[in-house]
Amino acid sequence: METTLSSKGQIVIPKEVREKLGLKPGDKVRLQVEDKKIVLQFHAEPPEEIFVRAGGQLVDQTLREAKQADELKIKRLLERLGATE
């Protein structure tokens, strides 16, 4: 495919390419120069819906469970080493 450089140094990414890559207005792309080539890479931001908002109670509960699991591992290790009272 071919595109034309404007007087401001801008190019238009052909519609077929934009559709194939799912590019939308405002998306970020990266340019890299390799020898005498320009490599254009689509830089996708992760969608917001993959992030989970955790409340304080969930965080506290998770930390308590992790602490209990660690304490149990330490107790078992000490028992195996014969270092328990």
PDB file of N, CA and C in Angstrom:
ATOM      1  N   MET A   1       0.838  -1.176   0.000  1.00  0.00           N
ATOM      2  CA  MET A   1       0.000   0.000   0.000  1.00  0.00           C
ATOM      3  C   MET A   1       0.880   1.234   0.000  1.00  0.00           C
ATOM      4  N   GLU A   2       0.318   2.278  -0.487  1.00  0.00           N
ATOM      5  CA  GLU A   2       1.067   3.522  -0.610  1.00  0.00           C
ATOM      6  C   GLU A   2       0.233   4.667  -0.060  1.00  0.00           C
ATOM      7  N   THR A   3       0.902   5.640   0.545  1.00  0.00           N
ATOM      8  CA  THR A   3       0.240   6.832   1.037  1.00  0.00           C
ATOM      9  C   THR A   3       1.121   8.023   0.706  1.00  0.00           C
ATOM     10  N   THR A   4       0.598   9.222   0.787  1.00  0.00           N
ATOM     11  CA  THR A   4       1.340  10.418   0.394  1.00  0.00           C
ATOM     12  C   THR A   4       1.653  11.271   1.613  1.00  0.00           C
ATOM     13  N   LEU A   5       2.854  11.786   1.666  1.00  0.00           N
ATOM     14  CA  LEU A   5       3.295  12.665   2.735  1.00  0.00           C
ATOM     15  C   LEU A   5       2.751  14.062   2.483  1.00  0.00           C
ATOM     16  N   SER A   6       2.093  14.658   3.489  1.00  0.00           N
ATOM     17  CA  SER A   6       1.545  16.010   3.329  1.00  0.00           C
ATOM     18  C   SER A   6       2.652  17.044   3.503  1.00  0.00           C
ATOM     19  N   SER A   7       2.314  18.288   3.262  1.00  0.00           N
ATOM     20  CA  SER A   7       3.286  19.376   3.422  1.00  0.00           C
ATOM     21  C   SER A   7       3.706  19.540   4.883  1.00  0.00           C
ATOM     22  N   LYS A   8       2.888  19.033   5.815  1.00  0.00           N
ATOM     23  CA  LYS A   8       3.212  19.101   7.243  1.00  0.00           C
ATOM     24  C   LYS A   8       3.937  17.834   7.704  1.00  0.00           C
ATOM     25  N   GLY A   9       4.246  16.925   6.788  1.00  0.00           N
ATOM     26  CA  GLY A   9       4.944  15.694   7.157  1.00  0.00           C
ATOM     27  C   GLY A   9       4.020  14.613   7.673  1.00  0.00           C
ATOM     28  N   GLN A  10       2.724  14.767   7.450  1.00  0.00           N
ATOM     29  CA  GLN A  10       1.748  13.798   7.946  1.00  0.00           C
ATOM     30  C   GLN A  10       1.422  12.776   6.864  1.00  0.00           C
ATOM     31  N   ILE A  11       1.056  11.577   7.319  1.00  0.00           N
ATOM     32  CA  ILE A  11       0.586  10.548   6.404  1.00  0.00           C
ATOM     33  C   ILE A  11      -0.758  10.041   6.904  1.00  0.00           C
ATOM     34  N   VAL A  12      -1.522   9.462   6.009  1.00  0.00           N
ATOM     35  CA  VAL A  12      -2.790   8.848   6.367  1.00  0.00           C
ATOM     36  C   VAL A  12      -2.585   7.343   6.317  1.00  0.00           C
ATOM     37  N   ILE A  13      -2.958   6.662   7.397  1.00  0.00           N
ATOM     38  CA  ILE A  13      -2.911   5.207   7.404  1.00  0.00           C
ATOM     39  C   ILE A  13      -4.153   4.747   6.636  1.00  0.00           C
ATOM     40  N   PRO A  14      -3.963   3.985   5.578  1.00  0.00           N
ATOM     41  CA  PRO A  14      -5.122   3.576   4.769  1.00  0.00           C
ATOM     42  C   PRO A  14      -6.194   2.880   5.608  1.00  0.00           C
ATOM     43  N   LYS A  15      -7.450   3.113   5.229  1.00  0.00           N
ATOM     44  CA  LYS A  15      -8.593   2.575   5.960  1.00  0.00           C
ATOM     45  C   LYS A  15      -8.480   1.069   6.142  1.00  0.00           C
ATOM     46  N   GLU A  16      -8.071   0.354   5.111  1.00  0.00           N
ATOM     47  CA  GLU A  16      -7.943  -1.109   5.185  1.00  0.00           C
ATOM     48  C   GLU A  16      -6.999  -1.525   6.312  1.00  0.00           C
ATOM     49  N   VAL A  17      -5.891  -0.796   6.461  1.00  0.00           N
ATOM     50  CA  VAL A  17      -4.914  -1.101   7.515  1.00  0.00           C
ATOM     51  C   VAL A  17      -5.496  -0.757   8.877  1.00  0.00           C
ATOM     52  N   ARG A  18      -6.142   0.411   8.989  1.00  0.00           N
ATOM     53  CA  ARG A  18      -6.764   0.814  10.264  1.00  0.00           C
ATOM     54  C   ARG A  18      -7.789  -0.209  10.713  1.00  0.00           C
ATOM     55  N   GLU A  19      -8.611  -0.667   9.793  1.00  0.00           N
ATOM     56  CA  GLU A  19      -9.630  -1.658  10.134  1.00  0.00           C
ATOM     57  C   GLU A  19      -9.006  -2.982  10.542  1.00  0.00           C
ATOM     58  N   LYS A  20      -7.982  -3.398   9.817  1.00  0.00           N
ATOM     59  CA  LYS A  20      -7.316  -4.674  10.108  1.00  0.00           C
ATOM     60  C   LYS A  20      -6.693  -4.663  11.502  1.00  0.00           C
ATOM     61  N   LEU A  21      -6.142  -3.520  11.894  1.00  0.00           N
ATOM     62  CA  LEU A  21      -5.499  -3.400  13.204  1.00  0.00           C
ATOM     63  C   LEU A  21      -6.449  -2.909  14.293  1.00  0.00           C
ATOM     64  N   GLY A  22      -7.635  -2.502  13.910  1.00  0.00           N
ATOM     65  CA  GLY A  22      -8.586  -1.988  14.893  1.00  0.00           C
ATOM     66  C   GLY A  22      -8.196  -0.613  15.409  1.00  0.00           C
ATOM     67  N   LEU A  23      -7.490   0.164  14.588  1.00  0.00           N
ATOM     68  CA  LEU A  23      -7.069   1.508  15.001  1.00  0.00           C
ATOM     69  C   LEU A  23      -8.245   2.470  14.976  1.00  0.00           C
ATOM     70  N   LYS A  24      -8.315   3.310  16.019  1.00  0.00           N
ATOM     71  CA  LYS A  24      -9.373   4.304  16.123  1.00  0.00           C
ATOM     72  C   LYS A  24      -8.724   5.668  16.351  1.00  0.00           C
ATOM     73  N   PRO A  25      -9.444   6.753  16.057  1.00  0.00           N
ATOM     74  CA  PRO A  25      -8.895   8.087  16.331  1.00  0.00           C
ATOM     75  C   PRO A  25      -8.466   8.198  17.793  1.00  0.00           C
ATOM     76  N   GLY A  26      -7.283   8.730  18.023  1.00  0.00           N
ATOM     77  CA  GLY A  26      -6.757   8.891  19.377  1.00  0.00           C
ATOM     78  C   GLY A  26      -5.841   7.758  19.813  1.00  0.00           C
ATOM     79  N   ASP A  27      -5.853   6.617  19.082  1.00  0.00           N
ATOM     80  CA  ASP A  27      -4.942   5.516  19.422  1.00  0.00           C
ATOM     81  C   ASP A  27      -3.501   5.962  19.218  1.00  0.00           C
ATOM     82  N   LYS A  28      -2.619   5.392  20.001  1.00  0.00           N
ATOM     83  CA  LYS A  28      -1.201   5.729  19.897  1.00  0.00           C
ATOM     84  C   LYS A  28      -0.487   4.699  19.036  1.00  0.00           C
ATOM     85  N   VAL A  29       0.470   5.191  18.246  1.00  0.00           N
ATOM     86  CA  VAL A  29       1.331   4.315  17.448  1.00  0.00           C
ATOM     87  C   VAL A  29       2.777   4.718  17.709  1.00  0.00           C
ATOM     88  N   ARG A  30       3.679   3.784  17.520  1.00  0.00           N
ATOM     89  CA  ARG A  30       5.110   4.063  17.700  1.00  0.00           C
ATOM     90  C   ARG A  30       5.796   4.006  16.351  1.00  0.00           C
ATOM     91  N   LEU A  31       6.714   4.920  16.157  1.00  0.00           N
ATOM     92  CA  LEU A  31       7.530   4.930  14.948  1.00  0.00           C
ATOM     93  C   LEU A  31       8.951   4.540  15.315  1.00  0.00           C
ATOM     94  N   GLN A  32       9.548   3.712  14.489  1.00  0.00           N
ATOM     95  CA  GLN A  32      10.927   3.291  14.720  1.00  0.00           C
ATOM     96  C   GLN A  32      11.628   3.291  13.371  1.00  0.00           C
ATOM     97  N   VAL A  33      12.846   3.781  13.325  1.00  0.00           N
ATOM     98  CA  VAL A  33      13.613   3.791  12.089  1.00  0.00           C
ATOM     99  C   VAL A  33      14.579   2.620  12.112  1.00  0.00           C
ATOM    100  N   GLU A  34      14.493   1.771  11.085  1.00  0.00           N
ATOM    101  CA  GLU A  34      15.393   0.631  10.936  1.00  0.00           C
ATOM    102  C   GLU A  34      16.018   0.743   9.553  1.00  0.00           C
ATOM    103  N   ASP A  35      17.334   0.999   9.534  1.00  0.00           N
ATOM    104  CA  ASP A  35      18.042   1.266   8.275  1.00  0.00           C
ATOM    105  C   ASP A  35      17.329   2.411   7.565  1.00  0.00           C
ATOM    106  N   LYS A  36      16.781   2.169   6.404  1.00  0.00           N
ATOM    107  CA  LYS A  36      16.068   3.229   5.678  1.00  0.00           C
ATOM    108  C   LYS A  36      14.571   2.967   5.656  1.00  0.00           C
ATOM    109  N   LYS A  37      14.097   2.256   6.691  1.00  0.00           N
ATOM    110  CA  LYS A  37      12.676   1.927   6.775  1.00  0.00           C
ATOM    111  C   LYS A  37      12.083   2.579   8.015  1.00  0.00           C
ATOM    112  N   ILE A  38      10.808   2.914   7.934  1.00  0.00           N
ATOM    113  CA  ILE A  38      10.057   3.378   9.090  1.00  0.00           C
ATOM    114  C   ILE A  38       9.121   2.236   9.489  1.00  0.00           C
ATOM    115  N   VAL A  39       9.229   1.804  10.732  1.00  0.00           N
ATOM    116  CA  VAL A  39       8.363   0.748  11.241  1.00  0.00           C
ATOM    117  C   VAL A  39       7.330   1.409  12.141  1.00  0.00           C
ATOM    118  N   LEU A  40       6.083   1.167  11.850  1.00  0.00           N
ATOM    119  CA  LEU A  40       4.971   1.737  12.599  1.00  0.00           C
ATOM    120  C   LEU A  40       4.362   0.625  13.430  1.00  0.00           C
ATOM    121  N   GLN A  41       4.332   0.823  14.746  1.00  0.00           N
ATOM    122  CA  GLN A  41       3.794  -0.204  15.636  1.00  0.00           C
ATOM    123  C   GLN A  41       2.574   0.341  16.365  1.00  0.00           C
ATOM    124  N   PHE A  42       1.531  -0.464  16.378  1.00  0.00           N
ATOM    125  CA  PHE A  42       0.319  -0.117  17.103  1.00  0.00           C
ATOM    126  C   PHE A  42       0.610  -0.294  18.582  1.00  0.00           C
ATOM    127  N   HIS A  43       0.343   0.726  19.368  1.00  0.00           N
ATOM    128  CA  HIS A  43       0.599   0.698  20.806  1.00  0.00           C
ATOM    129  C   HIS A  43      -0.741   0.680  21.526  1.00  0.00           C
ATOM    130  N   ALA A  44      -1.209  -0.521  21.839  1.00  0.00           N
ATOM    131  CA  ALA A  44      -2.533  -0.656  22.459  1.00  0.00           C
ATOM    132  C   ALA A  44      -2.463  -0.464  23.966  1.00  0.00           C
ATOM    133  N   GLU A  45      -3.369   0.322  24.476  1.00  0.00           N
ATOM    134  CA  GLU A  45      -3.522   0.464  25.924  1.00  0.00           C
ATOM    135  C   GLU A  45      -4.411  -0.678  26.400  1.00  0.00           C
ATOM    136  N   PRO A  46      -4.127  -1.248  27.557  1.00  0.00           N
ATOM    137  CA  PRO A  46      -5.006  -2.315  28.029  1.00  0.00           C
ATOM    138  C   PRO A  46      -6.401  -1.759  28.313  1.00  0.00           C
ATOM    139  N   PRO A  47      -7.426  -2.514  27.971  1.00  0.00           N
ATOM    140  CA  PRO A  47      -8.783  -2.023  28.238  1.00  0.00           C
ATOM    141  C   PRO A  47      -9.036  -1.880  29.732  1.00  0.00           C
ATOM    142  N   GLU A  48      -9.773  -0.841  30.096  1.00  0.00           N
ATOM    143  CA  GLU A  48     -10.039  -0.573  31.511  1.00  0.00           C
ATOM    144  C   GLU A  48     -10.775  -1.701  32.201  1.00  0.00           C
ATOM    145  N   GLU A  49     -11.583  -2.463  31.455  1.00  0.00           N
ATOM    146  CA  GLU A  49     -12.382  -3.489  32.108  1.00  0.00           C
ATOM    147  C   GLU A  49     -11.554  -4.662  32.636  1.00  0.00           C
ATOM    148  N   ILE A  50     -10.237  -4.723  32.317  1.00  0.00           N
ATOM    149  CA  ILE A  50      -9.437  -5.827  32.862  1.00  0.00           C
ATOM    150  C   ILE A  50      -8.939  -5.514  34.267  1.00  0.00           C
ATOM    151  N   PHE A  51      -9.056  -4.256  34.676  1.00  0.00           N
ATOM    152  CA  PHE A  51      -8.608  -3.889  36.005  1.00  0.00           C
ATOM    153  C   PHE A  51      -9.743  -4.068  37.009  1.00  0.00           C
ATOM    154  N   VAL A  52      -9.407  -4.534  38.182  1.00  0.00           N
ATOM    155  CA  VAL A  52     -10.404  -4.787  39.214  1.00  0.00           C
ATOM    156  C   VAL A  52     -10.209  -3.779  40.336  1.00  0.00           C
ATOM    157  N   ARG A  53     -11.280  -3.221  40.780  1.00  0.00           N
ATOM    158  CA  ARG A  53     -11.210  -2.304  41.918  1.00  0.00           C
ATOM    159  C   ARG A  53     -11.506  -3.123  43.171  1.00  0.00           C
ATOM    160  N   ALA A  54     -10.539  -3.159  44.072  1.00  0.00           N
ATOM    161  CA  ALA A  54     -10.697  -3.943  45.300  1.00  0.00           C
ATOM    162  C   ALA A  54     -10.945  -2.995  46.464  1.00  0.00           C
ATOM    163  N   GLY A  55     -11.950  -3.318  47.251  1.00  0.00           N
ATOM    164  CA  GLY A  55     -12.250  -2.515  48.427  1.00  0.00           C
ATOM    165  C   GLY A  55     -11.315  -2.881  49.561  1.00  0.00           C
ATOM    166  N   GLY A  56     -11.311  -2.074  50.580  1.00  0.00           N
ATOM    167  CA  GLY A  56     -10.441  -2.296  51.730  1.00  0.00           C
ATOM    168  C   GLY A  56     -10.666  -3.637  52.395  1.00  0.00           C
ATOM    169  N   GLN A  57     -11.921  -4.080  52.481  1.00  0.00           N
ATOM    170  CA  GLN A  57     -12.214  -5.360  53.132  1.00  0.00           C
ATOM    171  C   GLN A  57     -11.589  -6.514  52.366  1.00  0.00           C
ATOM    172  N   LEU A  58     -11.680  -6.485  51.045  1.00  0.00           N
ATOM    173  CA  LEU A  58     -11.104  -7.554  50.237  1.00  0.00           C
ATOM    174  C   LEU A  58      -9.591  -7.601  50.400  1.00  0.00           C
ATOM    175  N   VAL A  59      -8.964  -6.439  50.409  1.00  0.00           N
ATOM    176  CA  VAL A  59      -7.507  -6.376  50.584  1.00  0.00           C
ATOM    177  C   VAL A  59      -7.123  -6.911  51.959  1.00  0.00           C
ATOM    178  N   ASP A  60      -7.824  -6.464  52.997  1.00  0.00           N
ATOM    179  CA  ASP A  60      -7.521  -6.933  54.359  1.00  0.00           C
ATOM    180  C   ASP A  60      -7.694  -8.447  54.473  1.00  0.00           C
ATOM    181  N   GLN A  61      -8.771  -8.959  53.911  1.00  0.00           N
ATOM    182  CA  GLN A  61      -9.025 -10.400  53.976  1.00  0.00           C
ATOM    183  C   GLN A  61      -7.918 -11.171  53.236  1.00  0.00           C
ATOM    184  N   THR A  62      -7.526 -10.701  52.091  1.00  0.00           N
ATOM    185  CA  THR A  62      -6.480 -11.367  51.312  1.00  0.00           C
ATOM    186  C   THR A  62      -5.159 -11.358  52.070  1.00  0.00           C
ATOM    187  N   LEU A  63      -4.832 -10.233  52.698  1.00  0.00           N
ATOM    188  CA  LEU A  63      -3.591 -10.154  53.473  1.00  0.00           C
ATOM    189  C   LEU A  63      -3.627 -11.094  54.674  1.00  0.00           C
ATOM    190  N   ARG A  64      -4.786 -11.183  55.355  1.00  0.00           N
ATOM    191  CA  ARG A  64      -4.930 -12.107  56.489  1.00  0.00           C
ATOM    192  C   ARG A  64      -4.721 -13.552  56.042  1.00  0.00           C
ATOM    193  N   GLU A  65      -5.348 -13.908  54.919  1.00  0.00           N
ATOM    194  CA  GLU A  65      -5.218 -15.275  54.411  1.00  0.00           C
ATOM    195  C   GLU A  65      -3.767 -15.580  54.022  1.00  0.00           C
ATOM    196  N   ALA A  66      -3.092 -14.625  53.417  1.00  0.00           N
ATOM    197  CA  ALA A  66      -1.699 -14.829  53.033  1.00  0.00           C
ATOM    198  C   ALA A  66      -0.824 -14.989  54.275  1.00  0.00           C
ATOM    199  N   LYS A  67      -1.084 -14.182  55.312  1.00  0.00           N
ATOM    200  CA  LYS A  67      -0.320 -14.278  56.555  1.00  0.00           C
ATOM    201  C   LYS A  67      -0.537 -15.639  57.212  1.00  0.00           C
ATOM    202  N   GLN A  68      -1.793 -16.109  57.243  1.00  0.00           N
ATOM    203  CA  GLN A  68      -2.081 -17.421  57.834  1.00  0.00           C
ATOM    204  C   GLN A  68      -1.373 -18.534  57.062  1.00  0.00           C
ATOM    205  N   ALA A  69      -1.383 -18.447  55.753  1.00  0.00           N
ATOM    206  CA  ALA A  69      -0.706 -19.457  54.931  1.00  0.00           C
ATOM    207  C   ALA A  69       0.790 -19.455  55.217  1.00  0.00           C
ATOM    208  N   ASP A  70       1.386 -18.264  55.338  1.00  0.00           N
ATOM    209  CA  ASP A  70       2.814 -18.161  55.645  1.00  0.00           C
ATOM    210  C   ASP A  70       3.124 -18.739  57.027  1.00  0.00           C
ATOM    211  N   GLU A  71       2.285 -18.417  58.006  1.00  0.00           N
ATOM    212  CA  GLU A  71       2.507 -18.923  59.356  1.00  0.00           C
ATOM    213  C   GLU A  71       2.422 -20.450  59.394  1.00  0.00           C
ATOM    214  N   LEU A  72       1.491 -21.019  58.640  1.00  0.00           N
ATOM    215  CA  LEU A  72       1.356 -22.471  58.573  1.00  0.00           C
ATOM    216  C   LEU A  72       2.603 -23.103  57.941  1.00  0.00           C
ATOM    217  N   LYS A  73       3.122 -22.489  56.885  1.00  0.00           N
ATOM    218  CA  LYS A  73       4.342 -22.999  56.242  1.00  0.00           C
ATOM    219  C   LYS A  73       5.524 -22.954  57.202  1.00  0.00           C
ATOM    220  N   ILE A  74       5.648 -21.854  57.950  1.00  0.00           N
ATOM    221  CA  ILE A  74       6.741 -21.716  58.923  1.00  0.00           C
ATOM    222  C   ILE A  74       6.602 -22.769  60.010  1.00  0.00           C
ATOM    223  N   LYS A  75       5.379 -22.989  60.514  1.00  0.00           N
ATOM    224  CA  LYS A  75       5.150 -23.995  61.557  1.00  0.00           C
ATOM    225  C   LYS A  75       5.553 -25.379  61.064  1.00  0.00           C
ATOM    226  N   ARG A  76       5.139 -25.745  59.848  1.00  0.00           N
ATOM    227  CA  ARG A  76       5.495 -27.062  59.293  1.00  0.00           C
ATOM    228  C   ARG A  76       6.999 -27.210  59.123  1.00  0.00           C
ATOM    229  N   LEU A  77       7.645 -26.150  58.661  1.00  0.00           N
ATOM    230  CA  LEU A  77       9.096 -26.197  58.484  1.00  0.00           C
ATOM    231  C   LEU A  77       9.801 -26.394  59.819  1.00  0.00           C
ATOM    232  N   LEU A  78       9.366 -25.661  60.840  1.00  0.00           N
ATOM    233  CA  LEU A  78       9.972 -25.794  62.162  1.00  0.00           C
ATOM    234  C   LEU A  78       9.737 -27.198  62.728  1.00  0.00           C
ATOM    235  N   GLU A  79       8.555 -27.763  62.485  1.00  0.00           N
ATOM    236  CA  GLU A  79       8.272 -29.137  62.944  1.00  0.00           C
ATOM    237  C   GLU A  79       9.202 -30.118  62.266  1.00  0.00           C
ATOM    238  N   ARG A  80       9.417 -29.973  60.962  1.00  0.00           N
ATOM    239  CA  ARG A  80      10.311 -30.869  60.230  1.00  0.00           C
ATOM    240  C   ARG A  80      11.753 -30.745  60.706  1.00  0.00           C
ATOM    241  N   LEU A  81      12.119 -29.567  61.147  1.00  0.00           N
ATOM    242  CA  LEU A  81      13.479 -29.354  61.638  1.00  0.00           C
ATOM    243  C   LEU A  81      13.609 -29.737  63.100  1.00  0.00           C
ATOM    244  N   GLY A  82      12.495 -30.076  63.737  1.00  0.00           N
ATOM    245  CA  GLY A  82      12.507 -30.442  65.149  1.00  0.00           C
ATOM    246  C   GLY A  82      12.737 -29.247  66.062  1.00  0.00           C
ATOM    247  N   ALA A  83      12.332 -28.103  65.621  1.00  0.00           N
ATOM    248  CA  ALA A  83      12.573 -26.881  66.398  1.00  0.00           C
ATOM    249  C   ALA A  83      11.307 -26.382  67.068  1.00  0.00           C
ATOM    250  N   THR A  84      10.322 -27.223  67.260  1.00  0.00           N
ATOM    251  CA  THR A  84       9.087 -26.771  67.903  1.00  0.00           C
ATOM    252  C   THR A  84       9.150 -27.070  69.401  1.00  0.00           C
ATOM    253  N   GLU A  85       8.340 -26.376  70.157  1.00  0.00           N
ATOM    254  CA  GLU A  85       8.337 -26.546  71.619  1.00  0.00           C
ATOM    255  C   GLU A  85       7.505 -27.696  72.043  1.00  0.00           C
TER     256      GLU A  85
END
